[in-house]
Amino acid sequence: MNALLLLLLFLLELAVLAIGGWWGWSWDAGTPARLAAAVAVPLLLAALWGVFGSPKARVPLPAAGKHAFQAAWFVAGGGMLALLGRPLAGVALVVVWALTVALLRRSGRPA
């Protein structure tokens, strides 16, 4: 069960990167700026995740700080979906993340 939950968590993390690219592409600008944003936003998000959010983060945060960063990460993903006109999908992203983390913690494995 934990393996499936961890897989779901990983897929949700990747979804936020894809949402970031979609959000960058949706900007009201010329094609070069949209393309730059569609590449830069996921790269920035990936860099932030690697530094603060991943299990092997370069900056180890205390448990509460890591949880706060991850919550902000998924809320940002939900916010980008809302800005893209998909508010229910944004809420669903955050709710699925929260439930997955709660189930992992209940089983004794920190997320």
Protein backbone atom coordinates (compact mmCIF):
# COMPACT_ATOMS: atom_id res chain seq x y z
CA MET A 1 0.00 0.00 0.00
CA ASN A 2 2.78 2.42 0.90
CA ALA A 3 4.45 1.83 -2.45
CA LEU A 4 1.27 2.83 -4.28
CA LEU A 5 0.88 5.93 -2.13
CA LEU A 6 4.48 6.93 -2.76
CA LEU A 7 3.97 6.40 -6.49
CA LEU A 8 0.85 8.57 -6.38
CA LEU A 9 2.78 11.27 -4.51
CA PHE A 10 5.52 11.18 -7.14
CA LEU A 11 2.97 11.43 -9.96
CA LEU A 12 1.34 14.40 -8.22
CA GLU A 13 4.76 16.09 -8.00
CA LEU A 14 5.25 15.57 -11.73
CA ALA A 15 1.75 16.90 -12.35
CA VAL A 16 2.67 20.18 -10.67
CA LEU A 17 5.66 20.49 -13.02
CA ALA A 18 3.41 19.88 -16.03
CA ILE A 19 0.85 22.36 -14.70
CA GLY A 20 3.64 24.92 -14.36
CA GLY A 21 4.53 24.45 -18.03
CA TRP A 22 0.90 24.74 -19.07
CA TRP A 23 0.47 27.87 -16.96
CA GLY A 24 3.61 29.43 -18.46
CA TRP A 25 2.39 28.67 -21.98
CA SER A 26 -0.99 30.26 -21.22
CA TRP A 27 0.49 33.71 -20.60
CA ASP A 28 -0.87 36.51 -22.71
CA ALA A 29 2.37 37.30 -24.53
CA GLY A 30 4.15 36.58 -27.76
CA THR A 31 5.16 33.06 -28.64
CA PRO A 32 8.82 33.47 -27.63
CA ALA A 33 7.83 34.74 -24.18
CA ARG A 34 5.23 32.00 -23.77
CA LEU A 35 7.76 29.35 -24.78
CA ALA A 36 10.32 30.77 -22.36
CA ALA A 37 7.75 30.76 -19.55
CA ALA A 38 6.60 27.23 -20.41
CA VAL A 39 10.19 26.05 -19.98
CA ALA A 40 11.29 28.35 -17.14
CA VAL A 41 8.39 27.78 -14.74
CA PRO A 42 8.83 23.97 -14.53
CA LEU A 43 12.60 24.38 -14.30
CA LEU A 44 12.23 26.80 -11.42
CA LEU A 45 9.74 24.53 -9.71
CA ALA A 46 12.05 21.52 -10.18
CA ALA A 47 14.99 23.46 -8.76
CA LEU A 48 12.97 24.48 -5.71
CA TRP A 49 11.83 20.90 -5.20
CA GLY A 50 15.39 19.61 -5.45
CA VAL A 51 16.66 22.15 -2.95
CA PHE A 52 13.86 21.99 -0.37
CA GLY A 53 11.24 19.31 -1.04
CA SER A 54 12.82 16.09 -2.24
CA PRO A 55 13.83 13.23 0.07
CA LYS A 56 17.47 14.05 -0.77
CA ALA A 57 17.04 17.84 -0.58
CA ARG A 58 20.20 19.96 -0.62
CA VAL A 59 18.81 22.07 2.21
CA PRO A 60 17.42 19.70 4.82
CA LEU A 61 14.43 21.26 6.50
CA PRO A 62 12.92 20.20 9.82
CA ALA A 63 9.86 18.04 9.40
CA ALA A 64 7.44 20.93 9.88
CA GLY A 65 9.34 23.10 7.39
CA LYS A 66 9.43 20.33 4.79
CA HIS A 67 5.73 19.70 5.20
CA ALA A 68 5.02 23.44 4.86
CA PHE A 69 7.14 23.61 1.69
CA GLN A 70 5.37 20.62 0.18
CA ALA A 71 1.97 22.05 1.10
CA ALA A 72 2.92 25.35 -0.56
CA TRP A 73 4.11 23.42 -3.63
CA PHE A 74 0.78 21.67 -4.12
CA VAL A 75 -1.28 24.74 -3.25
CA ALA A 76 0.73 26.60 -5.92
CA GLY A 77 -0.10 23.81 -8.37
CA GLY A 78 -3.76 24.06 -7.44
CA GLY A 79 -3.61 27.83 -7.79
CA MET A 80 -2.10 27.58 -11.25
CA LEU A 81 -4.91 25.22 -12.26
CA ALA A 82 -7.44 27.70 -10.92
CA LEU A 83 -5.81 30.48 -12.94
CA LEU A 84 -6.07 28.23 -15.98
CA GLY A 85 -9.82 28.06 -15.45
CA ARG A 86 -9.82 24.67 -13.73
CA PRO A 87 -10.54 25.51 -10.07
CA LEU A 88 -12.11 22.14 -9.25
CA ALA A 89 -9.07 20.34 -10.63
CA GLY A 90 -6.91 22.60 -8.48
CA VAL A 91 -8.88 21.73 -5.36
CA ALA A 92 -8.76 18.03 -6.31
CA LEU A 93 -4.97 18.17 -6.66
CA VAL A 94 -4.56 19.61 -3.17
CA VAL A 95 -7.10 17.24 -1.61
CA VAL A 96 -5.56 14.13 -3.19
CA TRP A 97 -2.11 15.26 -2.01
CA ALA A 98 -3.38 15.87 1.55
CA LEU A 99 -5.14 12.51 1.71
CA THR A 100 -2.08 10.70 0.36
CA VAL A 101 0.19 12.34 2.92
CA ALA A 102 -2.30 11.59 5.72
CA LEU A 103 -2.47 7.91 4.73
CA LEU A 104 1.32 7.67 4.55
CA ARG A 105 1.71 9.25 7.98
CA ARG A 106 -0.99 7.03 9.44
CA SER A 107 0.96 3.99 8.27
CA GLY A 108 4.05 5.33 10.02
CA ARG A 109 5.93 6.49 6.93
CA PRO A 110 6.65 10.21 6.64
CA ALA A 111 5.88 11.71 3.26
